[in-house]
Amino acid sequence: MMILEGYKCGNLIPDEIANTIGTVYNILLVAVPIMIVLFGIIDFVKAVASGKEDEIKKNTSTFIKRLITGIIVFFVLALVKLVVNLIQTNNTSDAVECLNEIFGNN
């Protein structure tokens, strides 16, 4: 069997695609919390400036939803690895190794 260079995960995924996926995910891990904080500050400043109690309650609800979404984004890789480990097939270790190879985890 010929080993192809420029491929990851047992020669199934081209390096460019794997590197792009890993880079986008790493950017999201940094950008999502920053965006949540910035949008939360902007919303709360607007609500406090307007002085309306309903706006403050609405923005609190929106902020909580954003936090939950951010937590999901932050832990999606851990959740995927957990599900892969729970499946318990012969290829489970290969899948985890592939995820580690793409996302640069040890």
Protein backbone atom coordinates (compact mmCIF):
# COMPACT_ATOMS: atom_id res chain seq x y z
CA MET A 1 0.00 0.00 0.00
CA MET A 2 1.43 3.34 -1.03
CA ILE A 3 1.47 6.01 1.67
CA LEU A 4 0.32 9.34 0.31
CA GLU A 5 2.01 12.46 1.59
CA GLY A 6 -0.11 15.48 2.37
CA TYR A 7 -2.95 13.49 3.90
CA LYS A 8 -4.09 13.01 7.49
CA CYS A 9 -6.26 10.45 9.25
CA GLY A 10 -5.01 7.35 7.51
CA ASN A 11 -4.66 9.09 4.15
CA LEU A 12 -8.35 10.00 4.05
CA ILE A 13 -8.35 13.78 4.55
CA PRO A 14 -6.09 16.16 2.61
CA ASP A 15 -3.80 18.29 4.79
CA GLU A 16 -5.32 21.55 3.52
CA ILE A 17 -8.81 20.57 4.61
CA ALA A 18 -7.69 19.19 7.97
CA ASN A 19 -5.57 22.28 8.67
CA THR A 20 -8.43 24.60 7.67
CA ILE A 21 -10.87 22.80 9.97
CA GLY A 22 -8.42 22.96 12.87
CA THR A 23 -7.65 26.65 12.26
CA VAL A 24 -11.31 27.65 12.01
CA TYR A 25 -12.13 25.78 15.20
CA ASN A 26 -9.23 27.39 17.06
CA ILE A 27 -10.32 30.84 15.87
CA LEU A 28 -13.85 30.13 17.07
CA LEU A 29 -12.52 29.12 20.49
CA VAL A 30 -11.05 32.62 20.84
CA ALA A 31 -13.61 34.69 18.94
CA VAL A 32 -16.82 33.32 20.47
CA PRO A 33 -16.09 34.33 24.10
CA ILE A 34 -14.90 37.77 22.96
CA MET A 35 -18.04 38.29 20.89
CA ILE A 36 -20.29 37.14 23.75
CA VAL A 37 -18.70 39.64 26.13
CA LEU A 38 -18.76 42.51 23.62
CA PHE A 39 -22.37 41.93 22.57
CA GLY A 40 -23.40 41.54 26.21
CA ILE A 41 -21.78 44.84 27.15
CA ILE A 42 -23.36 46.65 24.21
CA ASP A 43 -26.82 45.25 24.95
CA PHE A 44 -26.68 46.03 28.67
CA VAL A 45 -25.37 49.57 28.09
CA LYS A 46 -28.25 50.21 25.68
CA ALA A 47 -30.78 48.78 28.14
CA VAL A 48 -29.45 50.74 31.10
CA ALA A 49 -29.30 53.93 29.05
CA SER A 50 -32.93 53.54 28.00
CA GLY A 51 -33.92 52.92 31.62
CA LYS A 52 -36.55 50.34 30.70
CA GLU A 53 -36.76 47.36 33.02
CA ASP A 54 -38.25 45.17 30.27
CA GLU A 55 -35.23 45.81 28.06
CA ILE A 56 -32.87 44.77 30.86
CA LYS A 57 -34.79 41.51 31.40
CA LYS A 58 -34.86 40.83 27.66
CA ASN A 59 -31.11 41.45 27.36
CA THR A 60 -30.41 39.22 30.36
CA SER A 61 -32.29 36.40 28.65
CA THR A 62 -30.42 37.01 25.39
CA PHE A 63 -27.08 37.06 27.22
CA ILE A 64 -27.81 33.72 28.92
CA LYS A 65 -28.69 32.17 25.55
CA ARG A 66 -25.41 33.47 24.11
CA LEU A 67 -23.48 32.02 27.05
CA ILE A 68 -25.06 28.61 26.52
CA THR A 69 -24.24 28.75 22.80
CA GLY A 70 -20.67 29.76 23.61
CA ILE A 71 -20.28 26.87 26.03
CA ILE A 72 -21.55 24.46 23.39
CA VAL A 73 -19.06 25.81 20.84
CA PHE A 74 -16.25 25.68 23.38
CA PHE A 75 -16.89 22.06 24.35
CA VAL A 76 -18.00 20.63 21.01
CA LEU A 77 -14.70 18.82 20.43
CA ALA A 78 -14.82 17.25 23.89
CA LEU A 79 -18.43 16.18 23.25
CA VAL A 80 -17.52 14.61 19.90
CA LYS A 81 -14.65 12.68 21.50
CA LEU A 82 -16.96 11.50 24.28
CA VAL A 83 -19.55 10.24 21.79
CA VAL A 84 -16.87 8.50 19.73
CA ASN A 85 -15.54 6.79 22.86
CA LEU A 86 -19.05 5.72 23.89
CA ILE A 87 -19.69 4.02 20.56
CA GLN A 88 -17.03 1.40 21.45
CA THR A 89 -16.22 0.01 18.00
CA ASN A 90 -12.93 -1.35 16.75
CA ASN A 91 -12.31 1.91 14.86
CA THR A 92 -12.91 4.14 17.89
CA SER A 93 -9.23 4.66 18.61
CA ASP A 94 -8.62 5.53 14.95
CA ALA A 95 -11.36 8.15 15.07
CA VAL A 96 -9.98 9.72 18.26
CA GLU A 97 -6.46 9.72 16.79
CA CYS A 98 -7.84 11.40 13.66
CA LEU A 99 -9.55 14.09 15.74
CA ASN A 100 -6.34 14.68 17.69
CA GLU A 101 -4.39 14.90 14.46
CA ILE A 102 -6.76 17.48 12.95
CA PHE A 103 -7.18 19.64 16.04
CA GLY A 104 -3.60 19.31 17.24
CA ASN A 105 -4.45 17.78 20.62
CA ASN A 106 -2.16 15.35 22.36
